Amino acid sequence: MDGWIVLGVIVAIVVLGWLAQHFGFIDLSNKTQSSGTKGGVLGIGDEIFNPTRHEAQVELDRQTVLPAPAPVAGDGDKGVYGGKVEINLNR
């Protein structure tokens, strides 16, 4: 009977995780979408037994993710403010 309780708890956790993902409470999607292996389970072995390689991989990943380009003069506001800013001091 205890096996059914454990199985029920596992199924409940999976269903709650799926519902949380479906309704947007958590995001489990892979945002990197890069080619090559990122390690996964084997990355744990690199982190423990070969920390230099792991640190090099982390640094490589950090350098390959590019930030959004900084705005330059002449770009305009790109619709952020809609061209009109109101400051109400009577509140």
PDB file of N, CA and C in Angstrom:
ATOM      1  N   MET A   1       0.818  -1.200   0.000  1.00  0.00           N
ATOM      2  CA  MET A   1       0.000   0.000   0.000  1.00  0.00           C
ATOM      3  C   MET A   1       0.861   1.262   0.000  1.00  0.00           C
ATOM      4  N   ASP A   2       2.050   1.179   0.668  1.00  0.00           N
ATOM      5  CA  ASP A   2       2.917   2.361   0.706  1.00  0.00           C
ATOM      6  C   ASP A   2       3.440   2.727  -0.676  1.00  0.00           C
ATOM      7  N   GLY A   3       3.599   1.738  -1.535  1.00  0.00           N
ATOM      8  CA  GLY A   3       4.056   2.004  -2.895  1.00  0.00           C
ATOM      9  C   GLY A   3       3.079   2.860  -3.671  1.00  0.00           C
ATOM     10  N   TRP A   4       1.785   2.657  -3.452  1.00  0.00           N
ATOM     11  CA  TRP A   4       0.769   3.459  -4.134  1.00  0.00           C
ATOM     12  C   TRP A   4       0.806   4.907  -3.649  1.00  0.00           C
ATOM     13  N   ILE A   5       1.114   5.117  -2.377  1.00  0.00           N
ATOM     14  CA  ILE A   5       1.196   6.477  -1.852  1.00  0.00           C
ATOM     15  C   ILE A   5       2.380   7.211  -2.488  1.00  0.00           C
ATOM     16  N   VAL A   6       3.518   6.527  -2.572  1.00  0.00           N
ATOM     17  CA  VAL A   6       4.695   7.133  -3.198  1.00  0.00           C
ATOM     18  C   VAL A   6       4.418   7.433  -4.663  1.00  0.00           C
ATOM     19  N   LEU A   7       3.814   6.490  -5.359  1.00  0.00           N
ATOM     20  CA  LEU A   7       3.463   6.705  -6.766  1.00  0.00           C
ATOM     21  C   LEU A   7       2.486   7.869  -6.912  1.00  0.00           C
ATOM     22  N   GLY A   8       1.497   7.960  -6.023  1.00  0.00           N
ATOM     23  CA  GLY A   8       0.534   9.065  -6.069  1.00  0.00           C
ATOM     24  C   GLY A   8       1.188  10.413  -5.842  1.00  0.00           C
ATOM     25  N   VAL A   9       2.155  10.471  -4.912  1.00  0.00           N
ATOM     26  CA  VAL A   9       2.861  11.728  -4.645  1.00  0.00           C
ATOM     27  C   VAL A   9       3.684  12.137  -5.868  1.00  0.00           C
ATOM     28  N   ILE A  10       4.338  11.186  -6.496  1.00  0.00           N
ATOM     29  CA  ILE A  10       5.140  11.493  -7.695  1.00  0.00           C
ATOM     30  C   ILE A  10       4.243  11.990  -8.826  1.00  0.00           C
ATOM     31  N   VAL A  11       3.124  11.319  -9.031  1.00  0.00           N
ATOM     32  CA  VAL A  11       2.190  11.745 -10.082  1.00  0.00           C
ATOM     33  C   VAL A  11       1.642  13.135  -9.765  1.00  0.00           C
ATOM     34  N   ALA A  12       1.332  13.405  -8.505  1.00  0.00           N
ATOM     35  CA  ALA A  12       0.815  14.725  -8.126  1.00  0.00           C
ATOM     36  C   ALA A  12       1.857  15.814  -8.374  1.00  0.00           C
ATOM     37  N   ILE A  13       3.118  15.540  -8.077  1.00  0.00           N
ATOM     38  CA  ILE A  13       4.172  16.528  -8.314  1.00  0.00           C
ATOM     39  C   ILE A  13       4.326  16.806  -9.808  1.00  0.00           C
ATOM     40  N   VAL A  14       4.282  15.757 -10.615  1.00  0.00           N
ATOM     41  CA  VAL A  14       4.396  15.931 -12.064  1.00  0.00           C
ATOM     42  C   VAL A  14       3.222  16.737 -12.610  1.00  0.00           C
ATOM     43  N   VAL A  15       2.012  16.426 -12.164  1.00  0.00           N
ATOM     44  CA  VAL A  15       0.820  17.141 -12.637  1.00  0.00           C
ATOM     45  C   VAL A  15       0.863  18.601 -12.195  1.00  0.00           C
ATOM     46  N   LEU A  16       1.255  18.858 -10.946  1.00  0.00           N
ATOM     47  CA  LEU A  16       1.344  20.242 -10.480  1.00  0.00           C
ATOM     48  C   LEU A  16       2.426  21.009 -11.242  1.00  0.00           C
ATOM     49  N   GLY A  17       3.527  20.347 -11.543  1.00  0.00           N
ATOM     50  CA  GLY A  17       4.567  20.989 -12.344  1.00  0.00           C
ATOM     51  C   GLY A  17       4.090  21.314 -13.749  1.00  0.00           C
ATOM     52  N   TRP A  18       3.351  20.386 -14.340  1.00  0.00           N
ATOM     53  CA  TRP A  18       2.824  20.637 -15.687  1.00  0.00           C
ATOM     54  C   TRP A  18       1.827  21.795 -15.658  1.00  0.00           C
ATOM     55  N   LEU A  19       0.948  21.817 -14.660  1.00  0.00           N
ATOM     56  CA  LEU A  19      -0.031  22.905 -14.556  1.00  0.00           C
ATOM     57  C   LEU A  19       0.659  24.250 -14.331  1.00  0.00           C
ATOM     58  N   ALA A  20       1.688  24.264 -13.482  1.00  0.00           N
ATOM     59  CA  ALA A  20       2.416  25.511 -13.240  1.00  0.00           C
ATOM     60  C   ALA A  20       3.098  25.987 -14.515  1.00  0.00           C
ATOM     61  N   GLN A  21       3.652  25.079 -15.299  1.00  0.00           N
ATOM     62  CA  GLN A  21       4.260  25.446 -16.578  1.00  0.00           C
ATOM     63  C   GLN A  21       3.209  25.933 -17.556  1.00  0.00           C
ATOM     64  N   HIS A  22       2.075  25.250 -17.601  1.00  0.00           N
ATOM     65  CA  HIS A  22       1.014  25.585 -18.547  1.00  0.00           C
ATOM     66  C   HIS A  22       0.432  26.976 -18.275  1.00  0.00           C
ATOM     67  N   PHE A  23       0.244  27.319 -17.008  1.00  0.00           N
ATOM     68  CA  PHE A  23      -0.362  28.601 -16.667  1.00  0.00           C
ATOM     69  C   PHE A  23       0.663  29.704 -16.441  1.00  0.00           C
ATOM     70  N   GLY A  24       1.938  29.426 -16.624  1.00  0.00           N
ATOM     71  CA  GLY A  24       2.955  30.460 -16.596  1.00  0.00           C
ATOM     72  C   GLY A  24       3.520  30.790 -15.232  1.00  0.00           C
ATOM     73  N   PHE A  25       3.278  29.968 -14.232  1.00  0.00           N
ATOM     74  CA  PHE A  25       3.857  30.230 -12.918  1.00  0.00           C
ATOM     75  C   PHE A  25       5.348  29.931 -12.903  1.00  0.00           C
ATOM     76  N   ILE A  26       5.788  28.944 -13.680  1.00  0.00           N
ATOM     77  CA  ILE A  26       7.201  28.623 -13.814  1.00  0.00           C
ATOM     78  C   ILE A  26       7.516  28.510 -15.304  1.00  0.00           C
ATOM     79  N   ASP A  27       8.789  28.678 -15.640  1.00  0.00           N
ATOM     80  CA  ASP A  27       9.207  28.590 -17.036  1.00  0.00           C
ATOM     81  C   ASP A  27      10.347  27.584 -17.126  1.00  0.00           C
ATOM     82  N   LEU A  28      10.078  26.443 -17.719  1.00  0.00           N
ATOM     83  CA  LEU A  28      11.077  25.395 -17.846  1.00  0.00           C
ATOM     84  C   LEU A  28      11.630  25.282 -19.260  1.00  0.00           C
ATOM     85  N   SER A  29      11.342  26.257 -20.121  1.00  0.00           N
ATOM     86  CA  SER A  29      11.820  26.178 -21.497  1.00  0.00           C
ATOM     87  C   SER A  29      13.301  26.504 -21.561  1.00  0.00           C
ATOM     88  N   ASN A  30      13.967  25.934 -22.554  1.00  0.00           N
ATOM     89  CA  ASN A  30      15.401  26.149 -22.743  1.00  0.00           C
ATOM     90  C   ASN A  30      15.585  27.396 -23.595  1.00  0.00           C
ATOM     91  N   LYS A  31      16.119  28.442 -23.009  1.00  0.00           N
ATOM     92  CA  LYS A  31      16.265  29.715 -23.711  1.00  0.00           C
ATOM     93  C   LYS A  31      17.552  29.786 -24.539  1.00  0.00           C
ATOM     94  N   THR A  32      18.508  28.918 -24.268  1.00  0.00           N
ATOM     95  CA  THR A  32      19.776  29.036 -24.975  1.00  0.00           C
ATOM     96  C   THR A  32      19.682  28.483 -26.385  1.00  0.00           C
ATOM     97  N   GLN A  33      19.097  27.311 -26.574  1.00  0.00           N
ATOM     98  CA  GLN A  33      18.900  26.691 -27.889  1.00  0.00           C
ATOM     99  C   GLN A  33      20.172  26.706 -28.731  1.00  0.00           C
ATOM    100  N   SER A  34      21.299  26.397 -28.144  1.00  0.00           N
ATOM    101  CA  SER A  34      22.536  26.386 -28.910  1.00  0.00           C
ATOM    102  C   SER A  34      22.903  24.956 -29.282  1.00  0.00           C
ATOM    103  N   SER A  35      23.719  24.836 -30.294  1.00  0.00           N
ATOM    104  CA  SER A  35      24.149  23.506 -30.702  1.00  0.00           C
ATOM    105  C   SER A  35      25.279  23.034 -29.800  1.00  0.00           C
ATOM    106  N   GLY A  36      25.474  21.757 -29.758  1.00  0.00           N
ATOM    107  CA  GLY A  36      26.520  21.211 -28.903  1.00  0.00           C
ATOM    108  C   GLY A  36      25.939  20.767 -27.578  1.00  0.00           C
ATOM    109  N   THR A  37      26.760  20.094 -26.808  1.00  0.00           N
ATOM    110  CA  THR A  37      26.278  19.580 -25.536  1.00  0.00           C
ATOM    111  C   THR A  37      26.586  20.566 -24.426  1.00  0.00           C
ATOM    112  N   LYS A  38      25.666  20.733 -23.546  1.00  0.00           N
ATOM    113  CA  LYS A  38      25.850  21.596 -22.390  1.00  0.00           C
ATOM    114  C   LYS A  38      26.201  20.788 -21.160  1.00  0.00           C
ATOM    115  N   GLY A  39      26.308  19.504 -21.294  1.00  0.00           N
ATOM    116  CA  GLY A  39      26.732  18.695 -20.163  1.00  0.00           C
ATOM    117  C   GLY A  39      25.589  17.938 -19.543  1.00  0.00           C
ATOM    118  N   GLY A  40      24.600  18.630 -19.038  1.00  0.00           N
ATOM    119  CA  GLY A  40      23.517  17.951 -18.355  1.00  0.00           C
ATOM    120  C   GLY A  40      24.028  17.199 -17.154  1.00  0.00           C
ATOM    121  N   VAL A  41      23.773  15.920 -17.093  1.00  0.00           N
ATOM    122  CA  VAL A  41      24.230  15.095 -15.987  1.00  0.00           C
ATOM    123  C   VAL A  41      25.745  14.973 -16.001  1.00  0.00           C
ATOM    124  N   LEU A  42      26.341  14.906 -17.179  1.00  0.00           N
ATOM    125  CA  LEU A  42      27.795  14.785 -17.267  1.00  0.00           C
ATOM    126  C   LEU A  42      28.500  16.066 -16.839  1.00  0.00           C
ATOM    127  N   GLY A  43      27.799  17.196 -16.881  1.00  0.00           N
ATOM    128  CA  GLY A  43      28.393  18.440 -16.423  1.00  0.00           C
ATOM    129  C   GLY A  43      28.709  18.412 -14.944  1.00  0.00           C
ATOM    130  N   ILE A  44      27.966  17.629 -14.183  1.00  0.00           N
ATOM    131  CA  ILE A  44      28.245  17.475 -12.760  1.00  0.00           C
ATOM    132  C   ILE A  44      29.598  16.808 -12.575  1.00  0.00           C
ATOM    133  N   GLY A  45      29.883  15.814 -13.398  1.00  0.00           N
ATOM    134  CA  GLY A  45      31.185  15.155 -13.327  1.00  0.00           C
ATOM    135  C   GLY A  45      32.315  16.114 -13.647  1.00  0.00           C
ATOM    136  N   ASP A  46      32.126  16.981 -14.646  1.00  0.00           N
ATOM    137  CA  ASP A  46      33.151  17.967 -14.960  1.00  0.00           C
ATOM    138  C   ASP A  46      33.349  18.939 -13.801  1.00  0.00           C
ATOM    139  N   GLU A  47      32.265  19.335 -13.185  1.00  0.00           N
ATOM    140  CA  GLU A  47      32.372  20.298 -12.092  1.00  0.00           C
ATOM    141  C   GLU A  47      33.136  19.715 -10.908  1.00  0.00           C
ATOM    142  N   ILE A  48      32.987  18.424 -10.676  1.00  0.00           N
ATOM    143  CA  ILE A  48      33.645  17.782  -9.530  1.00  0.00           C
ATOM    144  C   ILE A  48      35.066  17.351  -9.873  1.00  0.00           C
ATOM    145  N   PHE A  49      35.237  16.624 -10.978  1.00  0.00           N
ATOM    146  CA  PHE A  49      36.517  15.998 -11.271  1.00  0.00           C
ATOM    147  C   PHE A  49      37.431  16.834 -12.156  1.00  0.00           C
ATOM    148  N   ASN A  50      36.880  17.806 -12.874  1.00  0.00           N
ATOM    149  CA  ASN A  50      37.700  18.641 -13.736  1.00  0.00           C
ATOM    150  C   ASN A  50      37.175  20.078 -13.653  1.00  0.00           C
ATOM    151  N   PRO A  51      37.384  20.756 -12.529  1.00  0.00           N
ATOM    152  CA  PRO A  51      36.794  22.083 -12.349  1.00  0.00           C
ATOM    153  C   PRO A  51      37.323  23.133 -13.321  1.00  0.00           C
ATOM    154  N   THR A  52      38.545  22.975 -13.795  1.00  0.00           N
ATOM    155  CA  THR A  52      39.084  23.952 -14.737  1.00  0.00           C
ATOM    156  C   THR A  52      38.304  23.929 -16.041  1.00  0.00           C
ATOM    157  N   ARG A  53      37.973  22.733 -16.543  1.00  0.00           N
ATOM    158  CA  ARG A  53      37.192  22.637 -17.767  1.00  0.00           C
ATOM    159  C   ARG A  53      35.797  23.197 -17.555  1.00  0.00           C
ATOM    160  N   HIS A  54      35.220  22.910 -16.396  1.00  0.00           N
ATOM    161  CA  HIS A  54      33.880  23.426 -16.102  1.00  0.00           C
ATOM    162  C   HIS A  54      33.890  24.957 -16.061  1.00  0.00           C
ATOM    163  N   GLU A  55      34.885  25.546 -15.409  1.00  0.00           N
ATOM    164  CA  GLU A  55      34.973  27.001 -15.344  1.00  0.00           C
ATOM    165  C   GLU A  55      35.193  27.607 -16.727  1.00  0.00           C
ATOM    166  N   ALA A  56      35.983  26.927 -17.555  1.00  0.00           N
ATOM    167  CA  ALA A  56      36.194  27.405 -18.917  1.00  0.00           C
ATOM    168  C   ALA A  56      34.900  27.357 -19.722  1.00  0.00           C
ATOM    169  N   GLN A  57      34.098  26.310 -19.519  1.00  0.00           N
ATOM    170  CA  GLN A  57      32.821  26.206 -20.224  1.00  0.00           C
ATOM    171  C   GLN A  57      31.846  27.280 -19.766  1.00  0.00           C
ATOM    172  N   VAL A  58      31.830  27.560 -18.472  1.00  0.00           N
ATOM    173  CA  VAL A  58      30.966  28.617 -17.945  1.00  0.00           C
ATOM    174  C   VAL A  58      31.367  29.962 -18.516  1.00  0.00           C
ATOM    175  N   GLU A  59      32.665  30.224 -18.593  1.00  0.00           N
ATOM    176  CA  GLU A  59      33.150  31.484 -19.163  1.00  0.00           C
ATOM    177  C   GLU A  59      32.819  31.580 -20.654  1.00  0.00           C
ATOM    178  N   LEU A  60      32.958  30.476 -21.374  1.00  0.00           N
ATOM    179  CA  LEU A  60      32.604  30.465 -22.796  1.00  0.00           C
ATOM    180  C   LEU A  60      31.114  30.744 -22.982  1.00  0.00           C
ATOM    181  N   ASP A  61      30.283  30.127 -22.165  1.00  0.00           N
ATOM    182  CA  ASP A  61      28.843  30.384 -22.240  1.00  0.00           C
ATOM    183  C   ASP A  61      28.527  31.843 -21.932  1.00  0.00           C
ATOM    184  N   ARG A  62      29.221  32.401 -20.944  1.00  0.00           N
ATOM    185  CA  ARG A  62      28.978  33.797 -20.573  1.00  0.00           C
ATOM    186  C   ARG A  62      29.360  34.739 -21.708  1.00  0.00           C
ATOM    187  N   GLN A  63      30.425  34.434 -22.415  1.00  0.00           N
ATOM    188  CA  GLN A  63      30.882  35.307 -23.493  1.00  0.00           C
ATOM    189  C   GLN A  63      30.066  35.161 -24.764  1.00  0.00           C
ATOM    190  N   THR A  64      29.408  34.028 -24.962  1.00  0.00           N
ATOM    191  CA  THR A  64      28.642  33.843 -26.189  1.00  0.00           C
ATOM    192  C   THR A  64      27.244  34.423 -26.103  1.00  0.00           C
ATOM    193  N   VAL A  65      26.744  34.666 -24.911  1.00  0.00           N
ATOM    194  CA  VAL A  65      25.422  35.280 -24.770  1.00  0.00           C
ATOM    195  C   VAL A  65      25.612  36.784 -24.842  1.00  0.00           C
ATOM    196  N   LEU A  66      25.082  37.381 -25.889  1.00  0.00           N
ATOM    197  CA  LEU A  66      25.274  38.806 -26.099  1.00  0.00           C
ATOM    198  C   LEU A  66      24.110  39.595 -25.510  1.00  0.00           C
ATOM    199  N   PRO A  67      24.399  40.712 -24.862  1.00  0.00           N
ATOM    200  CA  PRO A  67      23.325  41.545 -24.341  1.00  0.00           C
ATOM    201  C   PRO A  67      22.649  42.309 -25.475  1.00  0.00           C
ATOM    202  N   ALA A  68      21.530  42.907 -25.162  1.00  0.00           N
ATOM    203  CA  ALA A  68      20.836  43.738 -26.152  1.00  0.00           C
ATOM    204  C   ALA A  68      21.708  44.946 -26.468  1.00  0.00           C
ATOM    205  N   PRO A  69      21.690  45.399 -27.707  1.00  0.00           N
ATOM    206  CA  PRO A  69      22.532  46.550 -28.050  1.00  0.00           C
ATOM    207  C   PRO A  69      22.074  47.814 -27.322  1.00  0.00           C
ATOM    208  N   ALA A  70      23.028  48.619 -26.910  1.00  0.00           N
ATOM    209  CA  ALA A  70      22.719  49.864 -26.216  1.00  0.00           C
ATOM    210  C   ALA A  70      22.142  50.863 -27.208  1.00  0.00           C
ATOM    211  N   PRO A  71      21.217  51.689 -26.756  1.00  0.00           N
ATOM    212  CA  PRO A  71      20.664  52.701 -27.666  1.00  0.00           C
ATOM    213  C   PRO A  71      21.716  53.748 -28.002  1.00  0.00           C
ATOM    214  N   VAL A  72      21.644  54.268 -29.208  1.00  0.00           N
ATOM    215  CA  VAL A  72      22.567  55.309 -29.644  1.00  0.00           C
ATOM    216  C   VAL A  72      21.773  56.560 -29.976  1.00  0.00           C
ATOM    217  N   ALA A  73      22.465  57.666 -30.025  1.00  0.00           N
ATOM    218  CA  ALA A  73      21.809  58.935 -30.333  1.00  0.00           C
ATOM    219  C   ALA A  73      21.181  58.865 -31.720  1.00  0.00           C
ATOM    220  N   GLY A  74      19.977  59.378 -31.832  1.00  0.00           N
ATOM    221  CA  GLY A  74      19.282  59.387 -33.107  1.00  0.00           C
ATOM    222  C   GLY A  74      18.333  58.225 -33.299  1.00  0.00           C
ATOM    223  N   ASP A  75      18.319  57.270 -32.377  1.00  0.00           N
ATOM    224  CA  ASP A  75      17.393  56.142 -32.493  1.00  0.00           C
ATOM    225  C   ASP A  75      15.955  56.546 -32.185  1.00  0.00           C
ATOM    226  N   GLY A  76      15.766  57.597 -31.423  1.00  0.00           N
ATOM    227  CA  GLY A  76      14.424  57.971 -31.004  1.00  0.00           C
ATOM    228  C   GLY A  76      14.019  57.146 -29.794  1.00  0.00           C
ATOM    229  N   ASP A  77      12.794  57.347 -29.344  1.00  0.00           N
ATOM    230  CA  ASP A  77      12.347  56.628 -28.149  1.00  0.00           C
ATOM    231  C   ASP A  77      11.745  55.266 -28.480  1.00  0.00           C
ATOM    232  N   LYS A  78      11.575  54.940 -29.757  1.00  0.00           N
ATOM    233  CA  LYS A  78      11.050  53.653 -30.209  1.00  0.00           C
ATOM    234  C   LYS A  78       9.703  53.321 -29.573  1.00  0.00           C
ATOM    235  N   GLY A  79       8.896  54.346 -29.342  1.00  0.00           N
ATOM    236  CA  GLY A  79       7.548  54.122 -28.828  1.00  0.00           C
ATOM    237  C   GLY A  79       7.466  53.836 -27.350  1.00  0.00           C
ATOM    238  N   VAL A  80       8.539  54.024 -26.630  1.00  0.00           N
ATOM    239  CA  VAL A  80       8.513  53.727 -25.200  1.00  0.00           C
ATOM    240  C   VAL A  80       7.571  54.684 -24.487  1.00  0.00           C
ATOM    241  N   TYR A  81       7.677  55.962 -24.800  1.00  0.00           N
ATOM    242  CA  TYR A  81       6.836  56.952 -24.146  1.00  0.00           C
ATOM    243  C   TYR A  81       5.700  57.441 -25.034  1.00  0.00           C
ATOM    244  N   GLY A  82       5.678  57.045 -26.246  1.00  0.00           N
ATOM    245  CA  GLY A  82       4.644  57.513 -27.156  1.00  0.00           C
ATOM    246  C   GLY A  82       4.804  58.982 -27.502  1.00  0.00           C
ATOM    247  N   GLY A  83       5.952  59.570 -27.203  1.00  0.00           N
ATOM    248  CA  GLY A  83       6.199  60.953 -27.557  1.00  0.00           C
ATOM    249  C   GLY A  83       5.646  61.960 -26.579  1.00  0.00           C
ATOM    250  N   LYS A  84       5.008  61.524 -25.493  1.00  0.00           N
ATOM    251  CA  LYS A  84       4.375  62.455 -24.568  1.00  0.00           C
ATOM    252  C   LYS A  84       4.632  61.983 -23.148  1.00  0.00           C
ATOM    253  N   VAL A  85       5.167  62.887 -22.319  1.00  0.00           N
ATOM    254  CA  VAL A  85       5.412  62.582 -20.919  1.00  0.00           C
ATOM    255  C   VAL A  85       4.622  63.564 -20.076  1.00  0.00           C
ATOM    256  N   GLU A  86       3.826  63.041 -19.147  1.00  0.00           N
ATOM    257  CA  GLU A  86       3.034  63.892 -18.259  1.00  0.00           C
ATOM    258  C   GLU A  86       3.491  63.688 -16.828  1.00  0.00           C
ATOM    259  N   ILE A  87       3.705  64.813 -16.123  1.00  0.00           N
ATOM    260  CA  ILE A  87       4.049  64.760 -14.711  1.00  0.00           C
ATOM    261  C   ILE A  87       2.956  65.511 -13.964  1.00  0.00           C
ATOM    262  N   ASN A  88       2.222  64.804 -13.111  1.00  0.00           N
ATOM    263  CA  ASN A  88       1.135  65.399 -12.360  1.00  0.00           C
ATOM    264  C   ASN A  88       1.595  65.617 -10.921  1.00  0.00           C
ATOM    265  N   LEU A  89       1.718  66.888 -10.511  1.00  0.00           N
ATOM    266  CA  LEU A  89       2.207  67.210  -9.172  1.00  0.00           C
ATOM    267  C   LEU A  89       1.078  67.462  -8.178  1.00  0.00           C
ATOM    268  N   ASN A  90      -0.172  67.366  -8.599  1.00  0.00           N
ATOM    269  CA  ASN A  90      -1.307  67.652  -7.717  1.00  0.00           C
ATOM    270  C   ASN A  90      -1.713  66.471  -6.856  1.00  0.00           C
ATOM    271  N   ARG A  91      -1.101  65.338  -6.966  1.00  0.00           N
ATOM    272  CA  ARG A  91      -1.511  64.168  -6.195  1.00  0.00           C
ATOM    273  C   ARG A  91      -0.955  64.188  -4.822  1.00  0.00           C
TER     274      ARG A  91
END
